[in-house]
């Protein structure tokens, strides 16, 4: 009887790891990094449609183990949860009745609330002086700033500037 209890305890203690393990698919070729932040050391590249096992989640990052044994961190937006599935085309009859030109959504999508700029968006970015001016319009003037400071009890303090390092180069302050 005691050996049976030990077996059950061993089985049940391993159950949460199996239940919590989740698989995912890399949605585009992406860099695997050593820690959950953008300037962490690179550990390699995962290819598009590569299968990964999600070990843990931290903020906007997943700690993953890939199907080739690599481990590291990926952004949430780089992974589609669940195993990759072949999309069904519907066969002959679906093509016969597809004259409407509409397509049906076959998969659910989720957003994570984390959005960065892709390399293409950064490369194709153009200046927008009007947007910069609209932002500048939100900046408080000196009178508003002083009124706010007085309201919360801040007092003006004179702070001496840090001494500049005079390197003798043209354009340095003396």
C-alpha atoms as a PDB file:
ATOM      1  CA  UNK A   1       0.000   0.000   0.000  1.00  0.00           C
ATOM      2  CA  UNK A   2       2.805   2.414   0.850  1.00  0.00           C
ATOM      3  CA  UNK A   3       4.540   1.872  -2.508  1.00  0.00           C
ATOM      4  CA  UNK A   4       1.261   2.746  -4.269  1.00  0.00           C
ATOM      5  CA  UNK A   5       1.093   6.080  -2.454  1.00  0.00           C
ATOM      6  CA  UNK A   6       4.689   6.847  -3.404  1.00  0.00           C
ATOM      7  CA  UNK A   7       3.917   6.111  -7.055  1.00  0.00           C
ATOM      8  CA  UNK A   8       0.836   8.354  -6.963  1.00  0.00           C
ATOM      9  CA  UNK A   9       2.792  11.191  -5.348  1.00  0.00           C
ATOM     10  CA  UNK A  10       5.488  10.896  -8.053  1.00  0.00           C
ATOM     11  CA  UNK A  11       2.891  10.847 -10.835  1.00  0.00           C
ATOM     12  CA  UNK A  12       0.937  13.789  -9.430  1.00  0.00           C
ATOM     13  CA  UNK A  13       4.045  15.862  -8.733  1.00  0.00           C
ATOM     14  CA  UNK A  14       5.063  15.581 -12.404  1.00  0.00           C
ATOM     15  CA  UNK A  15       1.542  16.330 -13.637  1.00  0.00           C
ATOM     16  CA  UNK A  16       1.652  20.140 -13.293  1.00  0.00           C
ATOM     17  CA  UNK A  17       4.736  20.357 -15.503  1.00  0.00           C
ATOM     18  CA  UNK A  18       2.974  18.349 -18.199  1.00  0.00           C
ATOM     19  CA  UNK A  19      -0.267  20.295 -17.865  1.00  0.00           C
ATOM     20  CA  UNK A  20       1.443  23.700 -17.848  1.00  0.00           C
ATOM     21  CA  UNK A  21       3.825  22.959 -20.730  1.00  0.00           C
ATOM     22  CA  UNK A  22       2.525  24.752 -23.782  1.00  0.00           C
ATOM     23  CA  UNK A  23       3.726  24.596 -27.331  1.00  0.00           C
ATOM     24  CA  UNK A  24       4.027  27.384 -29.833  1.00  0.00           C
ATOM     25  CA  UNK A  25       5.151  28.175 -33.343  1.00  0.00           C
ATOM     26  CA  UNK A  26       7.589  30.924 -34.302  1.00  0.00           C
ATOM     27  CA  UNK A  27       5.667  33.287 -36.622  1.00  0.00           C
ATOM     28  CA  UNK A  28       8.734  34.749 -38.391  1.00  0.00           C
ATOM     29  CA  UNK A  29      12.475  34.211 -38.237  1.00  0.00           C
ATOM     30  CA  UNK A  30      13.509  35.803 -34.960  1.00  0.00           C
ATOM     31  CA  UNK A  31      16.480  36.079 -32.654  1.00  0.00           C
ATOM     32  CA  UNK A  32      16.638  33.928 -29.535  1.00  0.00           C
ATOM     33  CA  UNK A  33      18.223  35.877 -26.641  1.00  0.00           C
ATOM     34  CA  UNK A  34      19.744  34.883 -23.307  1.00  0.00           C
ATOM     35  CA  UNK A  35      17.487  37.039 -21.095  1.00  0.00           C
ATOM     36  CA  UNK A  36      14.063  38.730 -21.332  1.00  0.00           C
ATOM     37  CA  UNK A  37      15.194  42.132 -22.573  1.00  0.00           C
ATOM     38  CA  UNK A  38      15.924  43.554 -26.013  1.00  0.00           C
ATOM     39  CA  UNK A  39      19.690  44.058 -25.680  1.00  0.00           C
ATOM     40  CA  UNK A  40      20.405  40.634 -24.177  1.00  0.00           C
ATOM     41  CA  UNK A  41      23.089  38.398 -25.689  1.00  0.00           C
ATOM     42  CA  UNK A  42      21.957  36.604 -28.839  1.00  0.00           C
ATOM     43  CA  UNK A  43      21.773  32.813 -28.729  1.00  0.00           C
ATOM     44  CA  UNK A  44      20.837  32.174 -32.339  1.00  0.00           C
ATOM     45  CA  UNK A  45      18.011  32.524 -34.815  1.00  0.00           C
ATOM     46  CA  UNK A  46      14.807  30.505 -34.811  1.00  0.00           C
ATOM     47  CA  UNK A  47      13.307  29.931 -38.227  1.00  0.00           C
ATOM     48  CA  UNK A  48       9.740  30.718 -39.234  1.00  0.00           C
ATOM     49  CA  UNK A  49       7.299  27.913 -38.313  1.00  0.00           C
ATOM     50  CA  UNK A  50       9.817  26.336 -35.888  1.00  0.00           C
ATOM     51  CA  UNK A  51       8.154  24.546 -32.978  1.00  0.00           C
ATOM     52  CA  UNK A  52       8.966  25.638 -29.412  1.00  0.00           C
ATOM     53  CA  UNK A  53       7.951  24.567 -25.927  1.00  0.00           C
ATOM     54  CA  UNK A  54       7.085  27.467 -23.650  1.00  0.00           C
ATOM     55  CA  UNK A  55       8.847  27.060 -20.312  1.00  0.00           C
ATOM     56  CA  UNK A  56       7.763  30.308 -18.629  1.00  0.00           C
ATOM     57  CA  UNK A  57       6.426  33.784 -19.282  1.00  0.00           C
ATOM     58  CA  UNK A  58       7.908  36.992 -17.929  1.00  0.00           C
ATOM     59  CA  UNK A  59       6.316  40.277 -18.927  1.00  0.00           C
ATOM     60  CA  UNK A  60       6.287  40.501 -22.721  1.00  0.00           C
ATOM     61  CA  UNK A  61       8.650  37.548 -23.132  1.00  0.00           C
ATOM     62  CA  UNK A  62       8.467  33.748 -23.331  1.00  0.00           C
ATOM     63  CA  UNK A  63      11.284  31.491 -22.158  1.00  0.00           C
ATOM     64  CA  UNK A  64      11.308  28.725 -24.754  1.00  0.00           C
ATOM     65  CA  UNK A  65      12.992  25.470 -25.690  1.00  0.00           C
ATOM     66  CA  UNK A  66      13.067  24.885 -29.433  1.00  0.00           C
ATOM     67  CA  UNK A  67      12.635  21.583 -31.216  1.00  0.00           C
ATOM     68  CA  UNK A  68      16.410  21.548 -31.892  1.00  0.00           C
ATOM     69  CA  UNK A  69      17.203  21.887 -28.149  1.00  0.00           C
ATOM     70  CA  UNK A  70      18.077  25.607 -28.073  1.00  0.00           C
ATOM     71  CA  UNK A  71      16.781  27.571 -25.095  1.00  0.00           C
ATOM     72  CA  UNK A  72      16.312  31.295 -24.632  1.00  0.00           C
ATOM     73  CA  UNK A  73      13.802  34.131 -24.683  1.00  0.00           C
ATOM     74  CA  UNK A  74      11.476  35.394 -27.426  1.00  0.00           C
ATOM     75  CA  UNK A  75       9.018  38.294 -27.476  1.00  0.00           C
ATOM     76  CA  UNK A  76       5.367  37.284 -27.096  1.00  0.00           C
ATOM     77  CA  UNK A  77       4.632  38.708 -30.523  1.00  0.00           C
ATOM     78  CA  UNK A  78       7.090  36.249 -32.115  1.00  0.00           C
ATOM     79  CA  UNK A  79       5.109  33.153 -31.120  1.00  0.00           C
ATOM     80  CA  UNK A  80       1.707  31.777 -32.060  1.00  0.00           C
ATOM     81  CA  UNK A  81       0.443  29.539 -29.279  1.00  0.00           C
ATOM     82  CA  UNK A  82      -0.424  25.952 -30.090  1.00  0.00           C
ATOM     83  CA  UNK A  83       1.028  23.535 -32.605  1.00  0.00           C
ATOM     84  CA  UNK A  84       1.295  24.538 -36.247  1.00  0.00           C
ATOM     85  CA  UNK A  85      -1.553  23.174 -38.277  1.00  0.00           C
ATOM     86  CA  UNK A  86      -1.984  22.812 -41.989  1.00  0.00           C
ATOM     87  CA  UNK A  87      -4.703  25.159 -43.171  1.00  0.00           C
ATOM     88  CA  UNK A  88      -7.465  23.334 -44.922  1.00  0.00           C
ATOM     89  CA  UNK A  89      -8.404  24.664 -48.309  1.00  0.00           C
ATOM     90  CA  UNK A  90     -11.851  23.089 -48.313  1.00  0.00           C
ATOM     91  CA  UNK A  91     -11.176  20.918 -51.329  1.00  0.00           C
ATOM     92  CA  UNK A  92     -13.049  20.866 -54.621  1.00  0.00           C
ATOM     93  CA  UNK A  93     -16.461  22.066 -53.389  1.00  0.00           C
ATOM     94  CA  UNK A  94     -14.994  25.030 -51.520  1.00  0.00           C
ATOM     95  CA  UNK A  95     -13.298  26.199 -54.703  1.00  0.00           C
ATOM     96  CA  UNK A  96     -16.546  25.762 -56.685  1.00  0.00           C
ATOM     97  CA  UNK A  97     -18.465  27.969 -54.254  1.00  0.00           C
ATOM     98  CA  UNK A  98     -15.734  30.571 -53.705  1.00  0.00           C
ATOM     99  CA  UNK A  99     -17.113  32.931 -56.356  1.00  0.00           C
ATOM    100  CA  UNK A 100     -17.946  35.557 -53.725  1.00  0.00           C
ATOM    101  CA  UNK A 101     -14.278  36.448 -53.400  1.00  0.00           C
ATOM    102  CA  UNK A 102     -14.541  36.480 -49.614  1.00  0.00           C
ATOM    103  CA  UNK A 103     -12.296  34.405 -47.448  1.00  0.00           C
ATOM    104  CA  UNK A 104     -13.150  33.028 -44.059  1.00  0.00           C
ATOM    105  CA  UNK A 105     -10.965  33.475 -41.027  1.00  0.00           C
ATOM    106  CA  UNK A 106      -9.849  30.000 -40.047  1.00  0.00           C
ATOM    107  CA  UNK A 107      -7.720  30.811 -37.027  1.00  0.00           C
ATOM    108  CA  UNK A 108      -8.151  32.936 -33.954  1.00  0.00           C
ATOM    109  CA  UNK A 109      -5.685  35.688 -33.247  1.00  0.00           C
ATOM    110  CA  UNK A 110      -4.684  37.384 -30.058  1.00  0.00           C
ATOM    111  CA  UNK A 111      -2.849  40.588 -29.312  1.00  0.00           C
ATOM    112  CA  UNK A 112      -0.413  41.038 -26.483  1.00  0.00           C
ATOM    113  CA  UNK A 113      -0.430  44.801 -26.159  1.00  0.00           C
ATOM    114  CA  UNK A 114       3.261  44.919 -26.959  1.00  0.00           C
ATOM    115  CA  UNK A 115       4.216  46.653 -30.155  1.00  0.00           C
ATOM    116  CA  UNK A 116       7.648  47.421 -31.442  1.00  0.00           C
ATOM    117  CA  UNK A 117       8.796  48.692 -34.775  1.00  0.00           C
ATOM    118  CA  UNK A 118       9.956  46.219 -37.377  1.00  0.00           C
ATOM    119  CA  UNK A 119      13.186  46.748 -39.289  1.00  0.00           C
ATOM    120  CA  UNK A 120      11.153  47.734 -42.347  1.00  0.00           C
ATOM    121  CA  UNK A 121       9.170  50.339 -40.413  1.00  0.00           C
ATOM    122  CA  UNK A 122      12.349  51.863 -39.017  1.00  0.00           C
ATOM    123  CA  UNK A 123      14.055  51.869 -42.428  1.00  0.00           C
ATOM    124  CA  UNK A 124      11.017  53.453 -44.126  1.00  0.00           C
ATOM    125  CA  UNK A 125      10.351  56.035 -41.389  1.00  0.00           C
ATOM    126  CA  UNK A 126       9.946  59.656 -42.493  1.00  0.00           C
ATOM    127  CA  UNK A 127      10.154  62.821 -40.353  1.00  0.00           C
ATOM    128  CA  UNK A 128       6.839  64.311 -39.272  1.00  0.00           C
ATOM    129  CA  UNK A 129       7.423  67.907 -38.050  1.00  0.00           C
ATOM    130  CA  UNK A 130       3.678  68.490 -37.579  1.00  0.00           C
ATOM    131  CA  UNK A 131       3.466  65.600 -35.099  1.00  0.00           C
ATOM    132  CA  UNK A 132       6.488  66.933 -33.223  1.00  0.00           C
ATOM    133  CA  UNK A 133       4.846  70.361 -33.000  1.00  0.00           C
ATOM    134  CA  UNK A 134       1.593  68.828 -31.722  1.00  0.00           C
ATOM    135  CA  UNK A 135       3.614  67.120 -28.970  1.00  0.00           C
ATOM    136  CA  UNK A 136       5.391  70.388 -28.154  1.00  0.00           C
ATOM    137  CA  UNK A 137       1.984  72.046 -27.728  1.00  0.00           C
ATOM    138  CA  UNK A 138       1.374  69.770 -24.725  1.00  0.00           C
ATOM    139  CA  UNK A 139       4.496  71.020 -22.903  1.00  0.00           C
ATOM    140  CA  UNK A 140       3.706  73.333 -19.980  1.00  0.00           C
ATOM    141  CA  UNK A 141       5.000  76.888 -19.950  1.00  0.00           C
ATOM    142  CA  UNK A 142       7.076  78.319 -17.075  1.00  0.00           C
ATOM    143  CA  UNK A 143       4.028  79.795 -15.327  1.00  0.00           C
ATOM    144  CA  UNK A 144       2.171  76.438 -15.335  1.00  0.00           C
ATOM    145  CA  UNK A 145       5.295  74.642 -14.123  1.00  0.00           C
ATOM    146  CA  UNK A 146       5.836  77.063 -11.235  1.00  0.00           C
ATOM    147  CA  UNK A 147       2.158  76.915 -10.228  1.00  0.00           C
ATOM    148  CA  UNK A 148       2.260  73.110 -10.161  1.00  0.00           C
ATOM    149  CA  UNK A 149       5.508  73.081  -8.141  1.00  0.00           C
ATOM    150  CA  UNK A 150       4.025  75.516  -5.592  1.00  0.00           C
ATOM    151  CA  UNK A 151       0.857  73.441  -5.322  1.00  0.00           C
ATOM    152  CA  UNK A 152       2.772  70.307  -4.309  1.00  0.00           C
ATOM    153  CA  UNK A 153       5.249  72.156  -2.079  1.00  0.00           C
ATOM    154  CA  UNK A 154       8.381  72.173  -4.213  1.00  0.00           C
ATOM    155  CA  UNK A 155      10.815  75.006  -3.682  1.00  0.00           C
ATOM    156  CA  UNK A 156      13.359  76.528  -6.091  1.00  0.00           C
ATOM    157  CA  UNK A 157      16.949  75.539  -5.366  1.00  0.00           C
ATOM    158  CA  UNK A 158      20.023  76.925  -7.017  1.00  0.00           C
ATOM    159  CA  UNK A 159      22.305  74.149  -8.256  1.00  0.00           C
ATOM    160  CA  UNK A 160      25.797  74.935  -9.428  1.00  0.00           C
ATOM    161  CA  UNK A 161      26.613  73.540 -12.857  1.00  0.00           C
ATOM    162  CA  UNK A 162      29.044  70.670 -13.088  1.00  0.00           C
ATOM    163  CA  UNK A 163      32.507  71.730 -14.155  1.00  0.00           C
ATOM    164  CA  UNK A 164      33.149  71.031 -17.823  1.00  0.00           C
ATOM    165  CA  UNK A 165      36.087  68.978 -18.941  1.00  0.00           C
ATOM    166  CA  UNK A 166      38.245  71.216 -21.066  1.00  0.00           C
ATOM    167  CA  UNK A 167      39.854  69.014 -23.697  1.00  0.00           C
ATOM    168  CA  UNK A 168      41.020  71.905 -25.828  1.00  0.00           C
ATOM    169  CA  UNK A 169      38.934  70.792 -28.811  1.00  0.00           C
ATOM    170  CA  UNK A 170      37.199  73.343 -30.989  1.00  0.00           C
ATOM    171  CA  UNK A 171      33.673  74.054 -29.772  1.00  0.00           C
ATOM    172  CA  UNK A 172      34.329  73.255 -26.104  1.00  0.00           C
ATOM    173  CA  UNK A 173      33.170  75.747 -23.502  1.00  0.00           C
ATOM    174  CA  UNK A 174      35.873  77.557 -21.614  1.00  0.00           C
END
